[in-house]
Amino acid sequence: MPGCASLTLDGWCDEHRQNSTARQYDHYRGSSSSRGYGAAWQTFRQSYLARHPLCVDCQAQSVVAVATELHHPIKVAAHPERQFDETNIMALCKPHHSARTARGE
């Protein structure tokens, strides 16, 4: 990677190889707007987080952490009509949201 001090045989150190893979995935996945998370979602998200400011997974562990992301237990891709359904939304911190998403929840 230009500007990286690590010497490699193929041009990518481990850190930049991972970042490159993530960028490729993000490119394939598309923007949040193209996945249905446009202006209406951003407004809804902001309102929901204002009313539910703490991560529910952290609270279940008796930890207080600010929620920064919303999670749909029932996937919006499969059920787009549930995108704004508050019974299908959980306020989570970034680590818990990433963990749930990685598990396919």
C-alpha atoms as a PDB file:
ATOM      1  CA  MET A   1       0.000   0.000   0.000  1.00  0.00           C
ATOM      2  CA  PRO A   2       1.519   3.381  -0.917  1.00  0.00           C
ATOM      3  CA  GLY A   3       2.703   5.178   2.207  1.00  0.00           C
ATOM      4  CA  CYS A   4       2.734   2.051   4.410  1.00  0.00           C
ATOM      5  CA  ALA A   5       6.088   1.360   6.081  1.00  0.00           C
ATOM      6  CA  SER A   6       5.581  -2.434   6.136  1.00  0.00           C
ATOM      7  CA  LEU A   7       7.527  -4.378   3.544  1.00  0.00           C
ATOM      8  CA  THR A   8       5.652  -7.186   1.802  1.00  0.00           C
ATOM      9  CA  LEU A   9       6.036  -9.413  -1.214  1.00  0.00           C
ATOM     10  CA  ASP A  10       2.616  -8.699  -2.703  1.00  0.00           C
ATOM     11  CA  GLY A  11       2.209  -4.999  -1.839  1.00  0.00           C
ATOM     12  CA  TRP A  12      -0.322  -5.408   1.004  1.00  0.00           C
ATOM     13  CA  CYS A  13       0.507  -5.655   4.706  1.00  0.00           C
ATOM     14  CA  ASP A  14      -1.947  -7.575   6.909  1.00  0.00           C
ATOM     15  CA  GLU A  15      -3.677  -4.388   8.110  1.00  0.00           C
ATOM     16  CA  HIS A  16      -4.205  -2.961   4.626  1.00  0.00           C
ATOM     17  CA  ARG A  17      -5.174  -6.354   3.159  1.00  0.00           C
ATOM     18  CA  GLN A  18      -8.037  -6.536   5.706  1.00  0.00           C
ATOM     19  CA  ASN A  19      -9.087  -2.959   4.954  1.00  0.00           C
ATOM     20  CA  SER A  20      -9.003  -3.726   1.232  1.00  0.00           C
ATOM     21  CA  THR A  21     -11.248  -6.755   1.744  1.00  0.00           C
ATOM     22  CA  ALA A  22     -13.669  -4.673   3.808  1.00  0.00           C
ATOM     23  CA  ARG A  23     -13.773  -1.985   1.104  1.00  0.00           C
ATOM     24  CA  GLN A  24     -14.470  -4.608  -1.558  1.00  0.00           C
ATOM     25  CA  TYR A  25     -17.309  -6.018   0.554  1.00  0.00           C
ATOM     26  CA  ASP A  26     -18.749  -2.537   1.139  1.00  0.00           C
ATOM     27  CA  HIS A  27     -18.577  -1.837  -2.603  1.00  0.00           C
ATOM     28  CA  TYR A  28     -20.400  -5.103  -3.390  1.00  0.00           C
ATOM     29  CA  ARG A  29     -22.950  -4.464  -0.653  1.00  0.00           C
ATOM     30  CA  GLY A  30     -23.784  -0.967  -1.872  1.00  0.00           C
ATOM     31  CA  SER A  31     -24.463   2.214   0.047  1.00  0.00           C
ATOM     32  CA  SER A  32     -26.869   2.335   2.962  1.00  0.00           C
ATOM     33  CA  SER A  33     -29.149   4.515   0.861  1.00  0.00           C
ATOM     34  CA  SER A  34     -29.207   1.956  -1.963  1.00  0.00           C
ATOM     35  CA  ARG A  35     -30.170  -0.710   0.619  1.00  0.00           C
ATOM     36  CA  GLY A  36     -33.237   1.298   1.699  1.00  0.00           C
ATOM     37  CA  TYR A  37     -31.738   3.332   4.528  1.00  0.00           C
ATOM     38  CA  GLY A  38     -32.203   6.820   3.093  1.00  0.00           C
ATOM     39  CA  ALA A  39     -33.415  10.093   4.589  1.00  0.00           C
ATOM     40  CA  ALA A  40     -36.615   8.660   6.113  1.00  0.00           C
ATOM     41  CA  TRP A  41     -34.596   5.957   7.871  1.00  0.00           C
ATOM     42  CA  GLN A  42     -32.017   8.469   9.142  1.00  0.00           C
ATOM     43  CA  THR A  43     -34.788  10.605  10.649  1.00  0.00           C
ATOM     44  CA  PHE A  44     -36.451   7.549  12.212  1.00  0.00           C
ATOM     45  CA  ARG A  45     -33.089   6.265  13.509  1.00  0.00           C
ATOM     46  CA  GLN A  46     -32.259   9.561  15.173  1.00  0.00           C
ATOM     47  CA  SER A  47     -35.680   9.695  16.835  1.00  0.00           C
ATOM     48  CA  TYR A  48     -35.500   6.075  18.015  1.00  0.00           C
ATOM     49  CA  LEU A  49     -32.013   6.509  19.497  1.00  0.00           C
ATOM     50  CA  ALA A  50     -33.142   9.679  21.290  1.00  0.00           C
ATOM     51  CA  ARG A  51     -35.922   7.661  22.939  1.00  0.00           C
ATOM     52  CA  HIS A  52     -33.780   4.524  23.485  1.00  0.00           C
ATOM     53  CA  PRO A  53     -30.263   5.839  24.180  1.00  0.00           C
ATOM     54  CA  LEU A  54     -28.780   2.721  25.824  1.00  0.00           C
ATOM     55  CA  CYS A  55     -27.597  -0.566  24.324  1.00  0.00           C
ATOM     56  CA  VAL A  56     -30.060  -3.309  25.268  1.00  0.00           C
ATOM     57  CA  ASP A  57     -27.373  -6.030  25.146  1.00  0.00           C
ATOM     58  CA  CYS A  58     -25.133  -4.057  27.519  1.00  0.00           C
ATOM     59  CA  GLN A  59     -28.086  -3.447  29.843  1.00  0.00           C
ATOM     60  CA  ALA A  60     -28.726  -7.214  29.925  1.00  0.00           C
ATOM     61  CA  GLN A  61     -25.155  -7.551  31.271  1.00  0.00           C
ATOM     62  CA  SER A  62     -25.703  -4.744  33.838  1.00  0.00           C
ATOM     63  CA  VAL A  63     -23.461  -2.426  31.825  1.00  0.00           C
ATOM     64  CA  VAL A  64     -24.408   1.083  30.732  1.00  0.00           C
ATOM     65  CA  ALA A  65     -23.321   1.956  27.181  1.00  0.00           C
ATOM     66  CA  VAL A  66     -24.648   4.387  24.614  1.00  0.00           C
ATOM     67  CA  ALA A  67     -26.518   2.845  21.691  1.00  0.00           C
ATOM     68  CA  THR A  68     -25.284   4.114  18.341  1.00  0.00           C
ATOM     69  CA  GLU A  69     -26.884   1.625  15.968  1.00  0.00           C
ATOM     70  CA  LEU A  70     -30.223  -0.030  15.354  1.00  0.00           C
ATOM     71  CA  HIS A  71     -30.618  -3.743  14.740  1.00  0.00           C
ATOM     72  CA  HIS A  72     -33.485  -5.570  13.027  1.00  0.00           C
ATOM     73  CA  PRO A  73     -33.877  -9.093  14.484  1.00  0.00           C
ATOM     74  CA  ILE A  74     -36.167  -9.873  11.544  1.00  0.00           C
ATOM     75  CA  LYS A  75     -34.146  -8.875   8.506  1.00  0.00           C
ATOM     76  CA  VAL A  76     -35.428  -5.982   6.414  1.00  0.00           C
ATOM     77  CA  ALA A  77     -34.188  -7.711   3.255  1.00  0.00           C
ATOM     78  CA  ALA A  78     -36.668 -10.524   3.900  1.00  0.00           C
ATOM     79  CA  HIS A  79     -39.439  -8.343   5.368  1.00  0.00           C
ATOM     80  CA  PRO A  80     -39.134  -4.735   4.138  1.00  0.00           C
ATOM     81  CA  GLU A  81     -42.504  -3.895   5.678  1.00  0.00           C
ATOM     82  CA  ARG A  82     -40.868  -4.309   9.142  1.00  0.00           C
ATOM     83  CA  GLN A  83     -38.166  -1.658   8.598  1.00  0.00           C
ATOM     84  CA  PHE A  84     -39.924   0.984  10.727  1.00  0.00           C
ATOM     85  CA  ASP A  85     -41.687  -1.504  13.036  1.00  0.00           C
ATOM     86  CA  GLU A  86     -40.421  -0.634  16.524  1.00  0.00           C
ATOM     87  CA  THR A  87     -41.167  -4.173  17.727  1.00  0.00           C
ATOM     88  CA  ASN A  88     -38.476  -5.300  15.256  1.00  0.00           C
ATOM     89  CA  ILE A  89     -35.755  -2.869  16.354  1.00  0.00           C
ATOM     90  CA  MET A  90     -33.102  -2.987  19.055  1.00  0.00           C
ATOM     91  CA  ALA A  91     -30.821  -0.111  20.055  1.00  0.00           C
ATOM     92  CA  LEU A  92     -27.257  -1.438  20.296  1.00  0.00           C
ATOM     93  CA  CYS A  93     -23.687  -0.228  20.716  1.00  0.00           C
ATOM     94  CA  LYS A  94     -21.350  -0.764  17.746  1.00  0.00           C
ATOM     95  CA  PRO A  95     -19.611  -3.884  19.194  1.00  0.00           C
ATOM     96  CA  HIS A  96     -22.881  -5.650  19.978  1.00  0.00           C
ATOM     97  CA  HIS A  97     -24.414  -4.732  16.622  1.00  0.00           C
ATOM     98  CA  SER A  98     -21.326  -5.973  14.781  1.00  0.00           C
ATOM     99  CA  ALA A  99     -21.342  -9.216  16.784  1.00  0.00           C
ATOM    100  CA  ARG A 100     -25.028  -9.883  16.104  1.00  0.00           C
ATOM    101  CA  THR A 101     -24.608  -9.092  12.409  1.00  0.00           C
ATOM    102  CA  ALA A 102     -21.552 -11.372  12.158  1.00  0.00           C
ATOM    103  CA  ARG A 103     -23.586 -14.212  13.712  1.00  0.00           C
ATOM    104  CA  GLY A 104     -26.292 -13.663  11.088  1.00  0.00           C
ATOM    105  CA  GLU A 105     -28.872 -12.444  13.589  1.00  0.00           C
END
